Amino acid sequence: MHVVGHSHHERGAGTVLALTLSAVVMALLVCLLLLAQAAVLASQAASAADLAALAAADAARGLTPGDPCTVASDVAVHHGATVTSCTVTGGTVVEVAAGIAHPFDWGVATGRARAGPPP
């Protein structure tokens, strides 16, 4: 039986449309997950830089033992990051930049922080 208005060539077109729509939705979800992961890594890098700078400032002021930049590096490594720069200015103010590499080698999330004695 042949239905009027429907071509024989349209058979299966709904399946192709559904598969295409599914592929587009999956691609969008993957992009959303990658963006969320980048945001999480940036937050972790910022936290690692903050903690490293605070610990380094304590070392610079003599409140804890050790070289400020070595202390900063140790704290950053403990939080899964690496210190990319560490500068002690004025003897007690420390600026630290830390980075966390993306698991798929798509770059590095970075964070910067500055710490020193209270005003």
Protein backbone atom coordinates (compact mmCIF):
# COMPACT_ATOMS: atom_id res chain seq x y z
CA MET A 1 0.00 0.00 0.00
CA HIS A 2 1.33 3.39 -0.97
CA VAL A 3 0.45 6.50 1.00
CA VAL A 4 -0.21 9.57 -1.10
CA GLY A 5 2.27 12.41 -0.53
CA HIS A 6 5.17 10.25 0.73
CA SER A 7 7.98 9.29 -1.56
CA HIS A 8 9.76 6.00 -1.38
CA HIS A 9 13.03 8.00 -1.04
CA GLU A 10 11.96 9.45 2.32
CA ARG A 11 12.02 6.09 4.04
CA GLY A 12 14.58 6.21 6.90
CA ALA A 13 14.95 10.00 6.78
CA GLY A 14 13.73 10.27 10.38
CA THR A 15 16.45 7.89 11.53
CA VAL A 16 19.14 9.93 9.80
CA LEU A 17 17.73 13.13 11.29
CA ALA A 18 17.65 11.61 14.79
CA LEU A 19 21.24 10.35 14.48
CA THR A 20 22.44 13.75 13.25
CA LEU A 21 20.63 15.54 16.08
CA SER A 22 22.11 13.08 18.60
CA ALA A 23 25.62 13.70 17.26
CA VAL A 24 25.18 17.47 17.52
CA VAL A 25 23.90 17.20 21.10
CA MET A 26 26.82 14.93 22.05
CA ALA A 27 29.34 17.37 20.50
CA LEU A 28 27.80 20.26 22.44
CA LEU A 29 27.97 18.25 25.68
CA VAL A 30 31.63 17.44 25.10
CA CYS A 31 32.38 21.13 24.51
CA LEU A 32 30.49 22.06 27.67
CA LEU A 33 32.42 19.50 29.70
CA LEU A 34 35.75 20.78 28.35
CA LEU A 35 34.83 24.35 29.27
CA ALA A 36 33.79 23.25 32.75
CA GLN A 37 37.07 21.38 33.18
CA ALA A 38 39.02 24.46 32.07
CA ALA A 39 37.17 26.56 34.66
CA VAL A 40 37.91 24.03 37.39
CA LEU A 41 41.60 23.91 36.46
CA ALA A 42 41.81 27.72 36.46
CA SER A 43 40.25 27.80 39.93
CA GLN A 44 42.67 25.16 41.19
CA ALA A 45 45.64 27.06 39.73
CA ALA A 46 44.47 30.28 41.41
CA SER A 47 44.07 28.50 44.75
CA ALA A 48 47.50 26.90 44.46
CA ALA A 49 49.05 30.30 43.66
CA ASP A 50 47.27 31.91 46.65
CA LEU A 51 48.42 29.23 49.07
CA ALA A 52 51.96 29.21 47.68
CA ALA A 53 52.23 33.00 47.94
CA LEU A 54 50.96 33.00 51.54
CA ALA A 55 53.42 30.28 52.56
CA ALA A 56 56.27 32.04 50.75
CA ALA A 57 55.43 35.36 52.43
CA ASP A 58 55.58 33.66 55.83
CA ALA A 59 59.02 32.29 54.92
CA ALA A 60 60.15 35.71 53.67
CA ARG A 61 59.13 37.29 57.00
CA GLY A 62 60.96 34.56 58.94
CA LEU A 63 57.77 33.10 60.43
CA THR A 64 58.56 29.70 58.90
CA PRO A 65 61.92 28.27 57.84
CA GLY A 66 63.08 27.98 54.25
CA ASP A 67 63.66 29.96 51.09
CA PRO A 68 60.41 31.69 50.08
CA CYS A 69 60.41 30.44 46.48
CA THR A 70 61.31 26.90 47.52
CA VAL A 71 58.46 26.95 50.04
CA ALA A 72 56.11 28.29 47.34
CA SER A 73 57.15 25.52 44.96
CA ASP A 74 56.62 22.83 47.61
CA VAL A 75 53.13 24.13 48.44
CA ALA A 76 52.17 24.39 44.76
CA VAL A 77 53.34 20.82 44.06
CA HIS A 78 51.32 19.62 47.04
CA HIS A 79 48.25 21.12 45.33
CA GLY A 80 49.00 19.67 41.90
CA ALA A 81 50.53 22.81 40.39
CA THR A 82 53.97 24.07 39.44
CA VAL A 83 55.39 27.50 40.18
CA THR A 84 56.16 29.28 36.91
CA SER A 85 57.51 32.43 38.57
CA CYS A 86 58.33 33.58 42.08
CA THR A 87 59.54 37.06 42.98
CA VAL A 88 60.35 38.45 46.42
CA THR A 89 60.14 42.25 46.55
CA GLY A 90 60.83 44.51 49.47
CA GLY A 91 62.12 41.54 51.42
CA THR A 92 58.67 40.41 52.57
CA VAL A 93 56.25 40.64 49.62
CA VAL A 94 56.08 37.59 47.35
CA GLU A 95 54.47 37.31 43.93
CA VAL A 96 53.80 33.79 42.67
CA ALA A 97 52.46 32.44 39.39
CA ALA A 98 51.38 28.81 39.30
CA GLY A 99 50.13 26.57 36.52
CA ILE A 100 48.32 23.29 36.13
CA ALA A 101 48.66 21.43 32.84
CA HIS A 102 45.49 20.26 31.11
CA PRO A 103 45.21 16.45 31.18
CA PHE A 104 44.94 16.26 27.37
CA ASP A 105 47.92 18.59 26.87
CA TRP A 106 45.71 21.46 25.65
CA GLY A 107 47.54 24.17 27.53
CA VAL A 108 48.11 25.32 31.08
CA ALA A 109 45.66 26.91 33.49
CA THR A 110 47.43 29.69 35.40
CA GLY A 111 46.91 31.62 38.57
CA ARG A 112 48.76 34.58 40.08
CA ALA A 113 48.90 35.80 43.66
CA ARG A 114 50.69 38.33 45.79
CA ALA A 115 51.15 38.11 49.55
CA GLY A 116 52.99 39.99 52.22
CA PRO A 117 52.70 41.34 55.74
CA PRO A 118 49.45 42.99 56.79
CA PRO A 119 49.30 46.75 56.22
